[in-house]
Each structure stands twice: as structure tokens, then as C-alpha cells.
PDB file of N, CA and C in Angstrom:
ATOM      1  N   UNK A   1      27.487  21.312 -28.720  1.00  0.00           N
ATOM      2  CA  UNK A   1      28.259  21.868 -28.719  1.00  0.00           C
ATOM      3  C   UNK A   1      29.916  23.480 -29.217  1.00  0.00           C
ATOM      4  N   UNK A   2      29.577  23.140 -30.281  1.00  0.00           N
ATOM      5  CA  UNK A   2      30.736  23.861 -31.032  1.00  0.00           C
ATOM      6  C   UNK A   2      29.910  25.437 -31.021  1.00  0.00           C
ATOM      7  N   UNK A   3      28.501  25.349 -31.455  1.00  0.00           N
ATOM      8  CA  UNK A   3      28.002  26.699 -30.740  1.00  0.00           C
ATOM      9  C   UNK A   3      27.767  27.144 -29.678  1.00  0.00           C
ATOM     10  N   UNK A   4      28.200  26.374 -28.101  1.00  0.00           N
ATOM     11  CA  UNK A   4      28.141  27.144 -27.303  1.00  0.00           C
ATOM     12  C   UNK A   4      30.081  27.705 -26.851  1.00  0.00           C
ATOM     13  N   UNK A   5      30.593  26.951 -27.464  1.00  0.00           N
ATOM     14  CA  UNK A   5      31.813  27.274 -27.307  1.00  0.00           C
ATOM     15  C   UNK A   5      31.788  28.848 -28.274  1.00  0.00           C
ATOM     16  N   UNK A   6      31.554  28.916 -29.513  1.00  0.00           N
ATOM     17  CA  UNK A   6      32.008  29.874 -30.604  1.00  0.00           C
ATOM     18  C   UNK A   6      30.926  31.512 -29.954  1.00  0.00           C
ATOM     19  N   UNK A   7      29.881  30.578 -28.641  1.00  0.00           N
ATOM     20  CA  UNK A   7      28.839  32.054 -28.204  1.00  0.00           C
ATOM     21  C   UNK A   7      29.828  32.639 -27.508  1.00  0.00           C
ATOM     22  N   UNK A   8      30.397  31.906 -26.312  1.00  0.00           N
ATOM     23  CA  UNK A   8      30.534  31.935 -25.883  1.00  0.00           C
ATOM     24  C   UNK A   8      32.630  32.810 -26.160  1.00  0.00           C
ATOM     25  N   UNK A   9      32.693  32.656 -27.174  1.00  0.00           N
ATOM     26  CA  UNK A   9      34.110  33.553 -27.337  1.00  0.00           C
ATOM     27  C   UNK A   9      33.367  34.618 -28.070  1.00  0.00           C
ATOM     28  N   UNK A  10      32.505  34.777 -28.481  1.00  0.00           N
ATOM     29  CA  UNK A  10      31.462  35.865 -29.245  1.00  0.00           C
ATOM     30  C   UNK A  10      31.113  36.531 -28.090  1.00  0.00           C
ATOM     31  N   UNK A  11      30.914  36.758 -26.977  1.00  0.00           N
ATOM     32  CA  UNK A  11      30.686  37.167 -25.702  1.00  0.00           C
ATOM     33  C   UNK A  11      32.003  37.906 -25.375  1.00  0.00           C
ATOM     34  N   UNK A  12      33.301  37.204 -25.064  1.00  0.00           N
ATOM     35  CA  UNK A  12      33.708  37.435 -25.000  1.00  0.00           C
ATOM     36  C   UNK A  12      34.702  38.668 -25.574  1.00  0.00           C
ATOM     37  N   UNK A  13      34.446  38.686 -27.273  1.00  0.00           N
ATOM     38  CA  UNK A  13      34.407  40.423 -27.678  1.00  0.00           C
ATOM     39  C   UNK A  13      33.923  41.206 -26.764  1.00  0.00           C
ATOM     40  N   UNK A  14      32.160  40.409 -26.633  1.00  0.00           N
ATOM     41  CA  UNK A  14      31.117  41.635 -26.297  1.00  0.00           C
ATOM     42  C   UNK A  14      32.275  42.329 -25.692  1.00  0.00           C
ATOM     43  N   UNK A  15      32.535  42.268 -24.417  1.00  0.00           N
ATOM     44  CA  UNK A  15      32.734  42.252 -22.766  1.00  0.00           C
ATOM     45  C   UNK A  15      34.236  42.885 -23.280  1.00  0.00           C
ATOM     46  N   UNK A  16      35.123  42.533 -23.711  1.00  0.00           N
ATOM     47  CA  UNK A  16      36.442  42.742 -23.679  1.00  0.00           C
ATOM     48  C   UNK A  16      36.056  44.333 -24.974  1.00  0.00           C
ATOM     49  N   UNK A  17      35.199  44.831 -25.645  1.00  0.00           N
ATOM     50  CA  UNK A  17      34.618  45.578 -25.827  1.00  0.00           C
ATOM     51  C   UNK A  17      34.261  46.392 -26.265  1.00  0.00           C
ATOM     52  N   UNK A  18      33.543  46.876 -24.932  1.00  0.00           N
ATOM     53  CA  UNK A  18      32.033  47.512 -23.508  1.00  0.00           C
ATOM     54  C   UNK A  18      33.627  48.934 -22.862  1.00  0.00           C
ATOM     55  N   UNK A  19      33.892  48.231 -22.693  1.00  0.00           N
ATOM     56  CA  UNK A  19      35.007  49.740 -21.981  1.00  0.00           C
ATOM     57  C   UNK A  19      36.181  50.289 -22.833  1.00  0.00           C
ATOM     58  N   UNK A  20      36.674  49.955 -23.981  1.00  0.00           N
ATOM     59  CA  UNK A  20      37.719  50.902 -24.699  1.00  0.00           C
ATOM     60  C   UNK A  20      36.083  51.853 -25.311  1.00  0.00           C
ATOM     61  N   UNK A  21      35.294  51.324 -25.910  1.00  0.00           N
ATOM     62  CA  UNK A  21      33.792  52.091 -26.372  1.00  0.00           C
ATOM     63  C   UNK A  21      33.660  52.938 -25.537  1.00  0.00           C
ATOM     64  N   UNK A  22      32.922  52.657 -24.301  1.00  0.00           N
ATOM     65  CA  UNK A  22      32.495  54.068 -23.490  1.00  0.00           C
ATOM     66  C   UNK A  22      33.599  54.127 -22.632  1.00  0.00           C
ATOM     67  N   UNK A  23      34.944  54.291 -22.156  1.00  0.00           N
ATOM     68  CA  UNK A  23      36.170  54.577 -21.545  1.00  0.00           C
ATOM     69  C   UNK A  23      37.150  54.427 -22.009  1.00  0.00           C
ATOM     70  N   UNK A  24      37.614  55.192 -23.273  1.00  0.00           N
ATOM     71  CA  UNK A  24      38.801  54.416 -23.608  1.00  0.00           C
ATOM     72  C   UNK A  24      40.236  55.029 -22.983  1.00  0.00           C
ATOM     73  N   UNK A  25      40.209  56.292 -22.735  1.00  0.00           N
ATOM     74  CA  UNK A  25      40.767  56.389 -21.516  1.00  0.00           C
ATOM     75  C   UNK A  25      41.569  56.101 -20.184  1.00  0.00           C
ATOM     76  N   UNK A  26      40.046  55.266 -19.811  1.00  0.00           N
ATOM     77  CA  UNK A  26      40.147  54.143 -18.823  1.00  0.00           C
ATOM     78  C   UNK A  26      41.328  53.002 -18.789  1.00  0.00           C
ATOM     79  N   UNK A  27      40.539  52.694 -19.970  1.00  0.00           N
ATOM     80  CA  UNK A  27      40.332  51.008 -20.933  1.00  0.00           C
ATOM     81  C   UNK A  27      42.416  51.400 -20.398  1.00  0.00           C
ATOM     82  N   UNK A  28      43.584  52.779 -21.704  1.00  0.00           N
ATOM     83  CA  UNK A  28      44.080  53.104 -22.253  1.00  0.00           C
ATOM     84  C   UNK A  28      44.694  52.995 -20.858  1.00  0.00           C
ATOM     85  N   UNK A  29      45.324  53.617 -19.788  1.00  0.00           N
ATOM     86  CA  UNK A  29      45.624  53.859 -18.570  1.00  0.00           C
ATOM     87  C   UNK A  29      45.807  52.214 -18.076  1.00  0.00           C
ATOM     88  N   UNK A  30      44.600  51.422 -17.973  1.00  0.00           N
ATOM     89  CA  UNK A  30      44.704  50.331 -17.095  1.00  0.00           C
ATOM     90  C   UNK A  30      45.205  49.192 -17.722  1.00  0.00           C
ATOM     91  N   UNK A  31      45.825  49.735 -19.479  1.00  0.00           N
ATOM     92  CA  UNK A  31      47.135  48.827 -19.983  1.00  0.00           C
ATOM     93  C   UNK A  31      47.761  49.169 -20.216  1.00  0.00           C
ATOM     94  N   UNK A  32      48.458  49.857 -20.318  1.00  0.00           N
ATOM     95  CA  UNK A  32      49.763  50.891 -19.537  1.00  0.00           C
ATOM     96  C   UNK A  32      50.272  50.275 -18.424  1.00  0.00           C
ATOM     97  N   UNK A  33      49.280  50.217 -16.882  1.00  0.00           N
ATOM     98  CA  UNK A  33      49.511  49.729 -15.835  1.00  0.00           C
ATOM     99  C   UNK A  33      49.987  48.266 -15.971  1.00  0.00           C
ATOM    100  N   UNK A  34      48.852  47.329 -16.638  1.00  0.00           N
ATOM    101  CA  UNK A  34      49.260  46.479 -16.899  1.00  0.00           C
ATOM    102  C   UNK A  34      50.747  45.744 -17.782  1.00  0.00           C
ATOM    103  N   UNK A  35      51.207  46.546 -19.146  1.00  0.00           N
ATOM    104  CA  UNK A  35      52.592  46.555 -19.224  1.00  0.00           C
ATOM    105  C   UNK A  35      53.462  46.372 -18.188  1.00  0.00           C
ATOM    106  N   UNK A  36      52.964  46.961 -17.344  1.00  0.00           N
ATOM    107  CA  UNK A  36      54.163  47.123 -16.065  1.00  0.00           C
ATOM    108  C   UNK A  36      54.403  46.188 -15.755  1.00  0.00           C
ATOM    109  N   UNK A  37      53.346  45.247 -14.748  1.00  0.00           N
ATOM    110  CA  UNK A  37      53.402  43.962 -14.351  1.00  0.00           C
ATOM    111  C   UNK A  37      54.574  42.695 -15.143  1.00  0.00           C
ATOM    112  N   UNK A  38      54.899  42.005 -13.643  1.00  0.00           N
ATOM    113  CA  UNK A  38      55.703  41.382 -13.585  1.00  0.00           C
ATOM    114  C   UNK A  38      55.236  40.198 -14.088  1.00  0.00           C
ATOM    115  N   UNK A  39      56.369  39.864 -15.299  1.00  0.00           N
ATOM    116  CA  UNK A  39      55.333  38.413 -15.253  1.00  0.00           C
ATOM    117  C   UNK A  39      55.575  37.118 -14.802  1.00  0.00           C
ATOM    118  N   UNK A  40      55.059  37.283 -13.477  1.00  0.00           N
ATOM    119  CA  UNK A  40      54.957  36.886 -12.411  1.00  0.00           C
ATOM    120  C   UNK A  40      53.676  37.075 -11.730  1.00  0.00           C
ATOM    121  N   UNK A  41      53.435  38.645 -12.045  1.00  0.00           N
ATOM    122  CA  UNK A  41      52.304  39.340 -11.151  1.00  0.00           C
ATOM    123  C   UNK A  41      50.753  39.231 -12.448  1.00  0.00           C
ATOM    124  N   UNK A  42      50.820  39.617 -13.650  1.00  0.00           N
ATOM    125  CA  UNK A  42      50.495  38.084 -15.088  1.00  0.00           C
ATOM    126  C   UNK A  42      50.140  36.602 -14.825  1.00  0.00           C
ATOM    127  N   UNK A  43      50.750  36.287 -14.857  1.00  0.00           N
ATOM    128  CA  UNK A  43      51.010  34.705 -14.938  1.00  0.00           C
ATOM    129  C   UNK A  43      49.573  34.432 -13.675  1.00  0.00           C
ATOM    130  N   UNK A  44      50.055  34.917 -11.902  1.00  0.00           N
ATOM    131  CA  UNK A  44      49.226  35.099 -10.719  1.00  0.00           C
ATOM    132  C   UNK A  44      47.537  35.226 -11.184  1.00  0.00           C
ATOM    133  N   UNK A  45      47.424  36.881 -12.349  1.00  0.00           N
ATOM    134  CA  UNK A  45      46.369  37.667 -12.268  1.00  0.00           C
ATOM    135  C   UNK A  45      45.434  36.328 -13.329  1.00  0.00           C
ATOM    136  N   UNK A  46      46.186  35.802 -14.254  1.00  0.00           N
ATOM    137  CA  UNK A  46      45.365  34.603 -15.345  1.00  0.00           C
ATOM    138  C   UNK A  46      45.242  33.329 -14.628  1.00  0.00           C
ATOM    139  N   UNK A  47      45.527  33.346 -13.852  1.00  0.00           N
ATOM    140  CA  UNK A  47      45.682  31.887 -12.638  1.00  0.00           C
ATOM    141  C   UNK A  47      44.135  32.139 -12.319  1.00  0.00           C
ATOM    142  N   UNK A  48      44.516  33.682 -11.773  1.00  0.00           N
ATOM    143  CA  UNK A  48      42.816  34.015 -10.684  1.00  0.00           C
ATOM    144  C   UNK A  48      41.769  34.074 -11.492  1.00  0.00           C
ATOM    145  N   UNK A  49      41.900  34.544 -13.093  1.00  0.00           N
ATOM    146  CA  UNK A  49      40.926  34.457 -13.662  1.00  0.00           C
ATOM    147  C   UNK A  49      40.538  33.295 -14.768  1.00  0.00           C
ATOM    148  N   UNK A  50      41.074  32.343 -14.738  1.00  0.00           N
ATOM    149  CA  UNK A  50      41.354  30.950 -14.978  1.00  0.00           C
ATOM    150  C   UNK A  50      40.144  30.352 -14.006  1.00  0.00           C
ATOM    151  N   UNK A  51      40.963  30.229 -12.611  1.00  0.00           N
ATOM    152  CA  UNK A  51      39.824  29.693 -11.687  1.00  0.00           C
ATOM    153  C   UNK A  51      38.675  30.206 -11.036  1.00  0.00           C
ATOM    154  N   UNK A  52      38.200  31.454 -11.168  1.00  0.00           N
ATOM    155  CA  UNK A  52      36.696  32.357 -11.485  1.00  0.00           C
ATOM    156  C   UNK A  52      36.233  31.856 -12.635  1.00  0.00           C
ATOM    157  N   UNK A  53      36.272  31.350 -13.976  1.00  0.00           N
ATOM    158  CA  UNK A  53      36.078  31.438 -14.909  1.00  0.00           C
ATOM    159  C   UNK A  53      35.677  29.736 -14.757  1.00  0.00           C
ATOM    160  N   UNK A  54      36.681  29.085 -14.052  1.00  0.00           N
ATOM    161  CA  UNK A  54      35.911  27.110 -13.775  1.00  0.00           C
ATOM    162  C   UNK A  54      34.891  27.277 -12.689  1.00  0.00           C
ATOM    163  N   UNK A  55      35.222  28.212 -11.793  1.00  0.00           N
ATOM    164  CA  UNK A  55      34.120  28.268 -10.026  1.00  0.00           C
ATOM    165  C   UNK A  55      32.922  28.637 -11.217  1.00  0.00           C
ATOM    166  N   UNK A  56      33.217  29.312 -12.113  1.00  0.00           N
ATOM    167  CA  UNK A  56      31.152  29.631 -12.398  1.00  0.00           C
ATOM    168  C   UNK A  56      30.823  29.081 -13.396  1.00  0.00           C
ATOM    169  N   UNK A  57      31.840  28.352 -14.148  1.00  0.00           N
ATOM    170  CA  UNK A  57      30.588  27.498 -14.613  1.00  0.00           C
ATOM    171  C   UNK A  57      30.849  26.431 -14.480  1.00  0.00           C
ATOM    172  N   UNK A  58      30.902  25.762 -13.215  1.00  0.00           N
ATOM    173  CA  UNK A  58      30.793  24.410 -12.023  1.00  0.00           C
ATOM    174  C   UNK A  58      29.472  24.901 -11.312  1.00  0.00           C
ATOM    175  N   UNK A  59      28.884  26.513 -11.172  1.00  0.00           N
ATOM    176  CA  UNK A  59      28.132  27.322 -10.429  1.00  0.00           C
ATOM    177  C   UNK A  59      26.963  26.629 -10.938  1.00  0.00           C
ATOM    178  N   UNK A  60      26.862  27.313 -12.496  1.00  0.00           N
ATOM    179  CA  UNK A  60      26.293  27.738 -14.381  1.00  0.00           C
ATOM    180  C   UNK A  60      25.900  26.265 -14.454  1.00  0.00           C
ATOM    181  N   UNK A  61      26.493  24.999 -14.331  1.00  0.00           N
ATOM    182  CA  UNK A  61      26.560  23.725 -14.744  1.00  0.00           C
ATOM    183  C   UNK A  61      25.358  22.952 -13.953  1.00  0.00           C
ATOM    184  N   UNK A  62      26.394  23.148 -12.693  1.00  0.00           N
ATOM    185  CA  UNK A  62      25.185  22.795 -11.575  1.00  0.00           C
ATOM    186  C   UNK A  62      23.410  22.139 -11.192  1.00  0.00           C
TER     187      UNK A  62
END
């Protein structure tokens, strides 16, 4: 179990690093737009992300 968790964290870091590596200007513009969102909008984005992740895990594990 700890190995799977560490592998998942490592994969997140790899995926998070791709956009700044490949297109730093696009990443910077997207990050700037994110900072301008309200707390409620950011919470909704977080909720949707969690939901997609949970559903994906359920499909993979089934």
C-alpha cells in the first residue's frame, strides 16, 4: 500500500510538471486566471477534481 501511494504521488508530480516544461507561457496564464477565481469557484473545481478521481479509481479497481 505505501508503495502504491508513493507511486501515485510521483505520477502527480510528473503530470503537474509537464505543462510548465512544455508550455511555460500557457501555464503562467492559466495560473494567473486561477488566482482570479473566487473561493467558491476554486472549491467547486476541487470538488469536481476529487469526484473525477474517485470515479476513476472505482472504475480502475472494478
